[in-house]
Amino acid sequence: MVRRVGTGEQKFDPSLREFLDSFYVNINSRQQAIDQRPASIDAVHDAYVAAVAEHLARVYGLAIPEWSETHGNGLREPFFAGGLQSFKGVLVAESPTAFRRRLLFVSKDALSRPRM
């Protein structure tokens, strides 16, 4: 996922959706999907990738990757998904811990995908 984004081959959001689709479908390789430390993209996306790995590990009872503790800690200002001022309160309340602790504020269903 991160490799394709870093090379400009694909934008972050579609790449994340593909990763999540694969993660949810391939039950036996979930741990493997989050184990490898990704290359750096930028402060927001690095924090987002680390939060995704930690959150998925917690939700699915997997080992939290060690790299997620140090990767993506460069965010200095809060990032609110969606960019709407009026939505900030909802995002602060709903954002999962793995995101909040990295100053990322997303909806509670930010990682949900349509069921296949």
Protein backbone atom coordinates (compact mmCIF):
# COMPACT_ATOMS: atom_id res chain seq x y z
CA MET A 1 0.00 0.00 0.00
CA VAL A 2 2.55 2.58 1.14
CA ARG A 3 4.96 1.70 -1.66
CA ARG A 4 2.34 2.49 -4.32
CA VAL A 5 1.52 5.78 -2.61
CA GLY A 6 5.18 6.73 -2.20
CA THR A 7 5.92 6.15 -5.88
CA GLY A 8 2.87 8.13 -6.96
CA GLU A 9 1.33 5.03 -8.50
CA GLN A 10 -1.82 5.37 -6.39
CA LYS A 11 -3.39 7.92 -4.04
CA PHE A 12 -3.57 7.12 -0.31
CA ASP A 13 -7.34 6.65 0.10
CA PRO A 14 -7.88 4.05 -2.66
CA SER A 15 -4.72 2.26 -1.56
CA LEU A 16 -5.99 2.12 2.04
CA ARG A 17 -9.36 0.79 0.87
CA GLU A 18 -7.64 -1.99 -1.09
CA PHE A 19 -5.50 -2.85 1.94
CA LEU A 20 -8.56 -3.00 4.21
CA ASP A 21 -10.50 -5.16 1.74
CA SER A 22 -7.60 -7.60 1.62
CA PHE A 23 -7.11 -7.52 5.41
CA TYR A 24 -10.76 -8.29 6.15
CA VAL A 25 -11.03 -11.11 3.59
CA ASN A 26 -7.70 -12.85 4.31
CA ILE A 27 -8.25 -13.89 7.92
CA ASN A 28 -5.16 -16.12 8.13
CA SER A 29 -2.74 -13.43 6.99
CA ARG A 30 -3.94 -10.48 9.06
CA GLN A 31 -0.92 -10.40 11.35
CA GLN A 32 1.42 -10.62 8.40
CA ALA A 33 -0.43 -7.73 6.72
CA ILE A 34 0.46 -5.31 9.53
CA ASP A 35 3.86 -6.66 10.66
CA GLN A 36 6.20 -4.98 8.18
CA ARG A 37 7.29 -1.41 8.88
CA PRO A 38 6.22 0.79 5.95
CA ALA A 39 8.32 3.44 4.27
CA SER A 40 7.64 7.02 5.26
CA ILE A 41 5.23 9.14 3.20
CA ASP A 42 4.54 12.32 5.20
CA ALA A 43 3.54 13.18 8.78
CA VAL A 44 -0.22 12.74 8.39
CA HIS A 45 -0.10 9.54 6.34
CA ASP A 46 2.65 8.00 8.48
CA ALA A 47 0.55 8.61 11.59
CA TYR A 48 -2.53 7.24 9.83
CA VAL A 49 -0.78 4.03 8.75
CA ALA A 50 0.55 3.45 12.28
CA ALA A 51 -2.91 4.11 13.76
CA VAL A 52 -4.51 1.68 11.30
CA ALA A 53 -2.04 -1.06 12.22
CA GLU A 54 -2.51 -0.53 15.97
CA HIS A 55 -6.29 -0.27 15.75
CA LEU A 56 -6.67 -3.38 13.59
CA ALA A 57 -4.36 -5.31 15.93
CA ARG A 58 -6.46 -4.33 18.95
CA VAL A 59 -9.80 -5.08 17.29
CA TYR A 60 -8.73 -8.47 15.91
CA GLY A 61 -6.61 -9.63 18.86
CA LEU A 62 -3.32 -9.46 16.96
CA ALA A 63 0.09 -8.42 18.21
CA ILE A 64 0.53 -4.67 17.88
CA PRO A 65 3.49 -4.15 15.54
CA GLU A 66 6.48 -2.61 17.33
CA TRP A 67 7.06 -0.20 14.44
CA SER A 68 3.67 1.41 15.08
CA GLU A 69 4.97 2.88 18.35
CA THR A 70 7.62 4.98 16.62
CA HIS A 71 6.45 5.35 13.01
CA GLY A 72 4.23 8.34 12.40
CA ASN A 73 4.95 10.32 15.53
CA GLY A 74 5.81 13.49 13.61
CA LEU A 75 2.37 15.07 13.61
CA ARG A 76 2.46 18.33 15.59
CA GLU A 77 -1.01 19.71 14.83
CA PRO A 78 -4.30 17.79 15.07
CA PHE A 79 -5.67 16.43 11.81
CA PHE A 80 -9.44 16.26 11.42
CA ALA A 81 -10.78 14.03 8.64
CA GLY A 82 -13.30 15.64 6.35
CA GLY A 83 -12.18 19.20 7.00
CA LEU A 84 -15.54 20.46 8.27
CA GLN A 85 -15.29 22.69 11.35
CA SER A 86 -18.78 21.68 12.50
CA PHE A 87 -17.81 17.99 12.51
CA LYS A 88 -14.77 18.30 14.80
CA GLY A 89 -16.69 17.57 18.01
CA VAL A 90 -18.05 14.33 16.58
CA LEU A 91 -14.61 13.25 15.41
CA VAL A 92 -13.02 13.98 18.79
CA ALA A 93 -15.71 11.89 20.51
CA GLU A 94 -15.70 9.00 18.01
CA SER A 95 -12.05 8.67 17.07
CA PRO A 96 -10.53 5.35 18.19
CA THR A 97 -7.67 5.56 20.71
CA ALA A 98 -5.00 4.49 18.21
CA PHE A 99 -5.88 7.53 16.10
CA ARG A 100 -6.52 10.01 18.91
CA ARG A 101 -3.14 9.43 20.54
CA ARG A 102 -1.51 10.41 17.23
CA LEU A 103 -3.60 13.61 16.93
CA LEU A 104 -5.74 12.07 14.19
CA PHE A 105 -9.47 12.51 14.52
CA VAL A 106 -11.61 10.25 12.36
CA SER A 107 -15.11 8.81 12.48
CA LYS A 108 -15.69 5.59 14.38
CA ASP A 109 -16.28 3.77 11.10
CA ALA A 110 -13.28 5.21 9.22
CA LEU A 111 -11.93 1.70 8.58
CA SER A 112 -15.22 0.04 7.72
CA ARG A 113 -15.73 -1.39 4.26
CA PRO A 114 -18.79 -2.81 2.53
CA ARG A 115 -19.14 -6.51 3.27
CA MET A 116 -18.53 -8.84 0.38
